Amino acid sequence: MAVGEAVDVVPTRWPDSTIVCVATGPSLTAEDVTFCRGKAPVIVVNDAYRLAPWADALVANDYSWWLHHEGVPGFRGDKWGVLHPTWTQPERWPDVRQLRITGSAGLETDPSAIRTGKNSGYTAVNVAIHYGARRVVLLGYDMGAPKHGPQHFFGDHRWAPGQRSPYHTFIDLFHSMRPDLERLGVEVVNASRQTALTCFPRVALADALERVAA
């Protein structure tokens, strides 16, 4: 499959729903992830699938990540990657569906494509909107880590030892999606225990999901 050619589109599985996106920040806990189960659809980002193997979808932008995890064969939800020159063997994992990249900033409304925000957590928000979300709850979106501490709840990526994320760039790009969120009528709230991402309202996780059950 040639780079730039869409393999699949994100279906509108949960129209007008609340969807939880779970990233891998150091503050993420198994308790919080388990609390989400059965209350709303859950999209996990990268290694967050370790805490939620039951999640509805998994998003990871990096081919190296999929290579290290061998396509996550035990995960039964939807799997989403991106079309990129580094993705050299799309036939390796046919169940990992790929979306076109149309930029880094803002949001993409074509369900065959996404904006990346240069991080998989951002891509997950765009995928949630394609699924039909009218409200997105962020969990584990710390957008920061201790200077000498782990960058993720599990430690550091073995496939990228010593790599430090450019969080300031990620945060700026999250700001860029706000006009599109307003135009689309989508609310994003941040239920992460710790976060440097201040462009979305902070809420307690229980309060964020109480509205779903009401």
C-alpha atoms as a PDB file:
ATOM      1  CA  MET A   1       0.000   0.000   0.000  1.00  0.00           C
ATOM      2  CA  ALA A   2       1.534   3.281  -1.073  1.00  0.00           C
ATOM      3  CA  VAL A   3       2.187   6.021   1.430  1.00  0.00           C
ATOM      4  CA  GLY A   4      -0.598   8.612   1.262  1.00  0.00           C
ATOM      5  CA  GLU A   5      -3.282   6.070   0.364  1.00  0.00           C
ATOM      6  CA  ALA A   6      -5.967   5.606   3.030  1.00  0.00           C
ATOM      7  CA  VAL A   7      -6.506   2.036   4.109  1.00  0.00           C
ATOM      8  CA  ASP A   8      -9.548   2.618   6.261  1.00  0.00           C
ATOM      9  CA  VAL A   9     -11.821   5.187   7.882  1.00  0.00           C
ATOM     10  CA  VAL A  10     -12.875   5.573  11.500  1.00  0.00           C
ATOM     11  CA  PRO A  11     -16.535   4.526  11.835  1.00  0.00           C
ATOM     12  CA  THR A  12     -19.058   6.640  13.737  1.00  0.00           C
ATOM     13  CA  ARG A  13     -19.462   4.016  16.454  1.00  0.00           C
ATOM     14  CA  TRP A  14     -20.578   6.268  19.308  1.00  0.00           C
ATOM     15  CA  PRO A  15     -22.436   9.340  18.008  1.00  0.00           C
ATOM     16  CA  ASP A  16     -22.873  12.224  20.475  1.00  0.00           C
ATOM     17  CA  SER A  17     -21.021  10.264  23.167  1.00  0.00           C
ATOM     18  CA  THR A  18     -18.489  10.832  25.928  1.00  0.00           C
ATOM     19  CA  ILE A  19     -15.228   9.020  25.133  1.00  0.00           C
ATOM     20  CA  VAL A  20     -12.257   8.640  27.488  1.00  0.00           C
ATOM     21  CA  CYS A  21      -8.752   8.937  26.003  1.00  0.00           C
ATOM     22  CA  VAL A  22      -6.085   7.380  28.215  1.00  0.00           C
ATOM     23  CA  ALA A  23      -2.473   8.470  27.675  1.00  0.00           C
ATOM     24  CA  THR A  24       0.646   7.279  29.471  1.00  0.00           C
ATOM     25  CA  GLY A  25       1.671  10.134  31.770  1.00  0.00           C
ATOM     26  CA  PRO A  26       3.432   9.333  35.058  1.00  0.00           C
ATOM     27  CA  SER A  27       0.298  10.157  37.072  1.00  0.00           C
ATOM     28  CA  LEU A  28      -1.813   7.474  35.403  1.00  0.00           C
ATOM     29  CA  THR A  29      -2.999   4.771  37.818  1.00  0.00           C
ATOM     30  CA  ALA A  30      -4.575   1.369  37.312  1.00  0.00           C
ATOM     31  CA  GLU A  31      -7.328   2.440  39.699  1.00  0.00           C
ATOM     32  CA  ASP A  32      -8.369   5.360  37.486  1.00  0.00           C
ATOM     33  CA  VAL A  33      -8.282   3.284  34.325  1.00  0.00           C
ATOM     34  CA  THR A  34     -10.385   0.531  35.886  1.00  0.00           C
ATOM     35  CA  PHE A  35     -12.884   3.155  37.073  1.00  0.00           C
ATOM     36  CA  CYS A  36     -13.593   4.046  33.430  1.00  0.00           C
ATOM     37  CA  ARG A  37     -14.509   0.508  32.428  1.00  0.00           C
ATOM     38  CA  GLY A  38     -18.140   0.145  31.435  1.00  0.00           C
ATOM     39  CA  LYS A  39     -18.886   3.848  31.916  1.00  0.00           C
ATOM     40  CA  ALA A  40     -17.835   5.139  28.482  1.00  0.00           C
ATOM     41  CA  PRO A  41     -15.919   4.006  25.400  1.00  0.00           C
ATOM     42  CA  VAL A  42     -12.181   4.035  26.089  1.00  0.00           C
ATOM     43  CA  ILE A  43      -9.325   4.758  23.675  1.00  0.00           C
ATOM     44  CA  VAL A  44      -5.859   3.885  24.962  1.00  0.00           C
ATOM     45  CA  VAL A  45      -2.650   5.511  23.756  1.00  0.00           C
ATOM     46  CA  ASN A  46       0.510   3.463  23.312  1.00  0.00           C
ATOM     47  CA  ASP A  47       1.352   1.443  26.449  1.00  0.00           C
ATOM     48  CA  ALA A  48      -1.851   2.445  28.241  1.00  0.00           C
ATOM     49  CA  TYR A  49      -3.261  -0.776  26.785  1.00  0.00           C
ATOM     50  CA  ARG A  50      -1.311  -2.558  29.529  1.00  0.00           C
ATOM     51  CA  LEU A  51      -3.777  -1.164  32.084  1.00  0.00           C
ATOM     52  CA  ALA A  52      -6.811  -1.569  29.819  1.00  0.00           C
ATOM     53  CA  PRO A  53      -6.473  -4.616  27.561  1.00  0.00           C
ATOM     54  CA  TRP A  54     -10.278  -4.450  27.355  1.00  0.00           C
ATOM     55  CA  ALA A  55     -10.296  -0.944  25.806  1.00  0.00           C
ATOM     56  CA  ASP A  56     -12.329  -0.217  22.685  1.00  0.00           C
ATOM     57  CA  ALA A  57      -9.456   1.185  20.626  1.00  0.00           C
ATOM     58  CA  LEU A  58      -5.688   1.650  20.647  1.00  0.00           C
ATOM     59  CA  VAL A  59      -3.869   4.555  18.973  1.00  0.00           C
ATOM     60  CA  ALA A  60      -0.117   4.775  18.357  1.00  0.00           C
ATOM     61  CA  ASN A  61       1.585   6.920  15.741  1.00  0.00           C
ATOM     62  CA  ASP A  62       5.065   5.413  15.801  1.00  0.00           C
ATOM     63  CA  TYR A  63       5.926   2.424  13.651  1.00  0.00           C
ATOM     64  CA  SER A  64       8.818   1.700  16.022  1.00  0.00           C
ATOM     65  CA  TRP A  65       6.321   1.337  18.850  1.00  0.00           C
ATOM     66  CA  TRP A  66       4.208  -1.161  16.902  1.00  0.00           C
ATOM     67  CA  LEU A  67       7.386  -3.017  15.925  1.00  0.00           C
ATOM     68  CA  HIS A  68       8.536  -3.286  19.544  1.00  0.00           C
ATOM     69  CA  HIS A  69       5.088  -4.496  20.643  1.00  0.00           C
ATOM     70  CA  GLU A  70       4.726  -6.823  17.642  1.00  0.00           C
ATOM     71  CA  GLY A  71       1.413  -5.275  16.647  1.00  0.00           C
ATOM     72  CA  VAL A  72      -0.085  -5.946  20.123  1.00  0.00           C
ATOM     73  CA  PRO A  73      -1.594  -9.284  19.044  1.00  0.00           C
ATOM     74  CA  GLY A  74      -3.591  -9.754  22.245  1.00  0.00           C
ATOM     75  CA  PHE A  75      -5.518  -6.503  21.900  1.00  0.00           C
ATOM     76  CA  ARG A  76      -9.015  -7.093  20.504  1.00  0.00           C
ATOM     77  CA  GLY A  77     -10.233  -3.532  20.050  1.00  0.00           C
ATOM     78  CA  ASP A  78      -9.696  -1.292  17.027  1.00  0.00           C
ATOM     79  CA  LYS A  79      -6.058  -0.476  16.309  1.00  0.00           C
ATOM     80  CA  TRP A  80      -5.073   2.767  14.597  1.00  0.00           C
ATOM     81  CA  GLY A  81      -1.717   3.807  13.174  1.00  0.00           C
ATOM     82  CA  VAL A  82      -0.798   6.454  10.606  1.00  0.00           C
ATOM     83  CA  LEU A  83       0.408   6.387   7.041  1.00  0.00           C
ATOM     84  CA  HIS A  84       4.012   7.571   7.110  1.00  0.00           C
ATOM     85  CA  PRO A  85       7.228   6.776   5.199  1.00  0.00           C
ATOM     86  CA  THR A  86       8.555   4.996   8.300  1.00  0.00           C
ATOM     87  CA  TRP A  87       5.663   2.525   8.114  1.00  0.00           C
ATOM     88  CA  THR A  88       7.490   0.247   5.718  1.00  0.00           C
ATOM     89  CA  GLN A  89       5.535  -2.998   6.029  1.00  0.00           C
ATOM     90  CA  PRO A  90       1.785  -2.374   6.386  1.00  0.00           C
ATOM     91  CA  GLU A  91       1.102  -6.043   5.677  1.00  0.00           C
ATOM     92  CA  ARG A  92       2.974  -7.032   8.846  1.00  0.00           C
ATOM     93  CA  TRP A  93      -0.095  -6.327  11.012  1.00  0.00           C
ATOM     94  CA  PRO A  94      -3.202  -6.153   8.820  1.00  0.00           C
ATOM     95  CA  ASP A  95      -5.433  -5.418  11.812  1.00  0.00           C
ATOM     96  CA  VAL A  96      -3.585  -2.140  12.497  1.00  0.00           C
ATOM     97  CA  ARG A  97      -5.534   0.297  10.354  1.00  0.00           C
ATOM     98  CA  GLN A  98      -3.821   3.408   9.037  1.00  0.00           C
ATOM     99  CA  LEU A  99      -5.029   6.963   8.666  1.00  0.00           C
ATOM    100  CA  ARG A 100      -3.646   9.710   6.451  1.00  0.00           C
ATOM    101  CA  ILE A 101      -1.829  12.613   8.098  1.00  0.00           C
ATOM    102  CA  THR A 102      -3.091  16.034   7.006  1.00  0.00           C
ATOM    103  CA  GLY A 103      -1.023  18.128   9.396  1.00  0.00           C
ATOM    104  CA  SER A 104      -0.015  18.627  13.003  1.00  0.00           C
ATOM    105  CA  ALA A 105      -2.309  21.414  14.211  1.00  0.00           C
ATOM    106  CA  GLY A 106      -6.078  21.671  14.502  1.00  0.00           C
ATOM    107  CA  LEU A 107      -8.484  18.807  13.873  1.00  0.00           C
ATOM    108  CA  GLU A 108      -9.297  16.744  10.786  1.00  0.00           C
ATOM    109  CA  THR A 109     -12.960  16.036   9.991  1.00  0.00           C
ATOM    110  CA  ASP A 110     -12.318  13.513   7.205  1.00  0.00           C
ATOM    111  CA  PRO A 111     -12.594  10.132   8.992  1.00  0.00           C
ATOM    112  CA  SER A 112      -9.852   8.663   6.808  1.00  0.00           C
ATOM    113  CA  ALA A 113      -7.305  11.145   8.163  1.00  0.00           C
ATOM    114  CA  ILE A 114      -6.057  12.843  11.319  1.00  0.00           C
ATOM    115  CA  ARG A 115      -3.958  15.695  12.655  1.00  0.00           C
ATOM    116  CA  THR A 116      -1.150  14.322  14.795  1.00  0.00           C
ATOM    117  CA  GLY A 117      -0.191  17.086  17.222  1.00  0.00           C
ATOM    118  CA  LYS A 118       3.191  15.314  16.966  1.00  0.00           C
ATOM    119  CA  ASN A 119       2.042  12.903  19.671  1.00  0.00           C
ATOM    120  CA  SER A 120      -0.265   9.898  19.827  1.00  0.00           C
ATOM    121  CA  GLY A 121      -2.395  11.371  22.626  1.00  0.00           C
ATOM    122  CA  TYR A 122      -3.411  14.199  20.322  1.00  0.00           C
ATOM    123  CA  THR A 123      -4.186  11.753  17.527  1.00  0.00           C
ATOM    124  CA  ALA A 124      -6.413   9.813  19.930  1.00  0.00           C
ATOM    125  CA  VAL A 125      -8.568  12.906  20.496  1.00  0.00           C
ATOM    126  CA  ASN A 126      -9.053  13.298  16.750  1.00  0.00           C
ATOM    127  CA  VAL A 127      -9.954   9.595  16.477  1.00  0.00           C
ATOM    128  CA  ALA A 128     -12.464  10.013  19.332  1.00  0.00           C
ATOM    129  CA  ILE A 129     -14.149  12.805  17.419  1.00  0.00           C
ATOM    130  CA  HIS A 130     -14.318  10.621  14.311  1.00  0.00           C
ATOM    131  CA  TYR A 131     -16.004   7.952  16.445  1.00  0.00           C
ATOM    132  CA  GLY A 132     -18.687  10.541  17.259  1.00  0.00           C
ATOM    133  CA  ALA A 133     -17.597  12.070  20.565  1.00  0.00           C
ATOM    134  CA  ARG A 134     -19.277  15.254  21.701  1.00  0.00           C
ATOM    135  CA  ARG A 135     -17.243  15.138  24.897  1.00  0.00           C
ATOM    136  CA  VAL A 136     -13.711  13.816  25.395  1.00  0.00           C
ATOM    137  CA  VAL A 137     -12.263  13.065  28.834  1.00  0.00           C
ATOM    138  CA  LEU A 138      -8.456  13.100  29.027  1.00  0.00           C
ATOM    139  CA  LEU A 139      -6.700  10.826  31.506  1.00  0.00           C
ATOM    140  CA  GLY A 140      -2.932  10.454  31.888  1.00  0.00           C
ATOM    141  CA  TYR A 141      -2.289  13.575  29.790  1.00  0.00           C
ATOM    142  CA  ASP A 142       0.424  14.920  32.105  1.00  0.00           C
ATOM    143  CA  MET A 143       2.361  16.669  29.316  1.00  0.00           C
ATOM    144  CA  GLY A 144       5.370  16.717  31.587  1.00  0.00           C
ATOM    145  CA  ALA A 145       7.616  14.539  33.719  1.00  0.00           C
ATOM    146  CA  PRO A 146      10.189  14.967  36.500  1.00  0.00           C
ATOM    147  CA  LYS A 147      13.582  16.002  35.144  1.00  0.00           C
ATOM    148  CA  HIS A 148      15.211  12.794  36.306  1.00  0.00           C
ATOM    149  CA  GLY A 149      12.088  10.695  36.581  1.00  0.00           C
ATOM    150  CA  PRO A 150      10.156   8.424  34.221  1.00  0.00           C
ATOM    151  CA  GLN A 151       8.161  10.000  31.421  1.00  0.00           C
ATOM    152  CA  HIS A 152       5.406   7.404  31.618  1.00  0.00           C
ATOM    153  CA  PHE A 153       3.487   5.454  34.247  1.00  0.00           C
ATOM    154  CA  PHE A 154       5.516   2.336  33.352  1.00  0.00           C
ATOM    155  CA  GLY A 155       8.914   4.035  33.189  1.00  0.00           C
ATOM    156  CA  ASP A 156      10.582   4.847  29.844  1.00  0.00           C
ATOM    157  CA  HIS A 157      10.135   3.270  26.431  1.00  0.00           C
ATOM    158  CA  ARG A 158      12.612   0.445  25.888  1.00  0.00           C
ATOM    159  CA  TRP A 159      12.530   1.079  22.154  1.00  0.00           C
ATOM    160  CA  ALA A 160      13.586   4.724  22.663  1.00  0.00           C
ATOM    161  CA  PRO A 161      15.950   4.791  25.678  1.00  0.00           C
ATOM    162  CA  GLY A 162      16.790   8.265  26.929  1.00  0.00           C
ATOM    163  CA  GLN A 163      14.334   9.982  24.601  1.00  0.00           C
ATOM    164  CA  ARG A 164      12.674  13.040  26.143  1.00  0.00           C
ATOM    165  CA  SER A 165       9.414  14.317  24.726  1.00  0.00           C
ATOM    166  CA  PRO A 166       9.124  17.976  23.566  1.00  0.00           C
ATOM    167  CA  TYR A 167       6.168  18.686  25.851  1.00  0.00           C
ATOM    168  CA  HIS A 168       6.151  22.435  25.150  1.00  0.00           C
ATOM    169  CA  THR A 169       5.535  21.675  21.467  1.00  0.00           C
ATOM    170  CA  PHE A 170       2.778  19.192  22.315  1.00  0.00           C
ATOM    171  CA  ILE A 171       1.060  21.713  24.594  1.00  0.00           C
ATOM    172  CA  ASP A 172       1.156  24.452  21.947  1.00  0.00           C
ATOM    173  CA  LEU A 173      -0.422  22.081  19.443  1.00  0.00           C
ATOM    174  CA  PHE A 174      -3.207  21.121  21.854  1.00  0.00           C
ATOM    175  CA  HIS A 175      -4.036  24.817  22.059  1.00  0.00           C
ATOM    176  CA  SER A 176      -4.359  24.826  18.265  1.00  0.00           C
ATOM    177  CA  MET A 177      -7.308  22.414  18.333  1.00  0.00           C
ATOM    178  CA  ARG A 178      -9.526  24.659  20.452  1.00  0.00           C
ATOM    179  CA  PRO A 179     -11.075  26.696  17.580  1.00  0.00           C
ATOM    180  CA  ASP A 180     -11.985  23.483  15.747  1.00  0.00           C
ATOM    181  CA  LEU A 181     -13.419  21.957  18.926  1.00  0.00           C
ATOM    182  CA  GLU A 182     -15.644  25.002  19.350  1.00  0.00           C
ATOM    183  CA  ARG A 183     -16.725  24.887  15.713  1.00  0.00           C
ATOM    184  CA  LEU A 184     -17.565  21.172  15.977  1.00  0.00           C
ATOM    185  CA  GLY A 185     -19.348  21.548  19.302  1.00  0.00           C
ATOM    186  CA  VAL A 186     -16.996  19.135  21.092  1.00  0.00           C
ATOM    187  CA  GLU A 187     -16.076  19.581  24.754  1.00  0.00           C
ATOM    188  CA  VAL A 188     -12.705  18.351  26.061  1.00  0.00           C
ATOM    189  CA  VAL A 189     -12.044  18.072  29.807  1.00  0.00           C
ATOM    190  CA  ASN A 190      -8.848  17.011  31.551  1.00  0.00           C
ATOM    191  CA  ALA A 191      -9.211  14.472  34.373  1.00  0.00           C
ATOM    192  CA  SER A 192      -5.484  13.702  34.665  1.00  0.00           C
ATOM    193  CA  ARG A 193      -4.210  13.583  38.261  1.00  0.00           C
ATOM    194  CA  GLN A 194      -1.319  15.865  37.318  1.00  0.00           C
ATOM    195  CA  THR A 195      -1.036  17.907  34.153  1.00  0.00           C
ATOM    196  CA  ALA A 196       0.705  20.844  32.524  1.00  0.00           C
ATOM    197  CA  LEU A 197      -2.020  20.943  29.871  1.00  0.00           C
ATOM    198  CA  THR A 198      -4.085  23.938  30.947  1.00  0.00           C
ATOM    199  CA  CYS A 199      -6.075  24.714  27.803  1.00  0.00           C
ATOM    200  CA  PHE A 200      -8.934  22.405  28.833  1.00  0.00           C
ATOM    201  CA  PRO A 201     -11.005  22.564  32.040  1.00  0.00           C
ATOM    202  CA  ARG A 202      -9.779  20.366  34.895  1.00  0.00           C
ATOM    203  CA  VAL A 203     -12.317  17.927  36.360  1.00  0.00           C
ATOM    204  CA  ALA A 204     -12.226  15.012  38.761  1.00  0.00           C
ATOM    205  CA  LEU A 205     -12.573  11.707  36.943  1.00  0.00           C
ATOM    206  CA  ALA A 206     -15.636  10.679  38.954  1.00  0.00           C
ATOM    207  CA  ASP A 207     -17.349  13.967  38.124  1.00  0.00           C
ATOM    208  CA  ALA A 208     -16.455  13.654  34.438  1.00  0.00           C
ATOM    209  CA  LEU A 209     -18.069  10.226  34.176  1.00  0.00           C
ATOM    210  CA  GLU A 210     -20.993  10.953  36.490  1.00  0.00           C
ATOM    211  CA  ARG A 211     -22.576  12.939  33.667  1.00  0.00           C
ATOM    212  CA  VAL A 212     -22.430   9.858  31.446  1.00  0.00           C
ATOM    213  CA  ALA A 213     -24.334   7.720  33.939  1.00  0.00           C
ATOM    214  CA  ALA A 214     -26.941  10.418  34.627  1.00  0.00           C
END
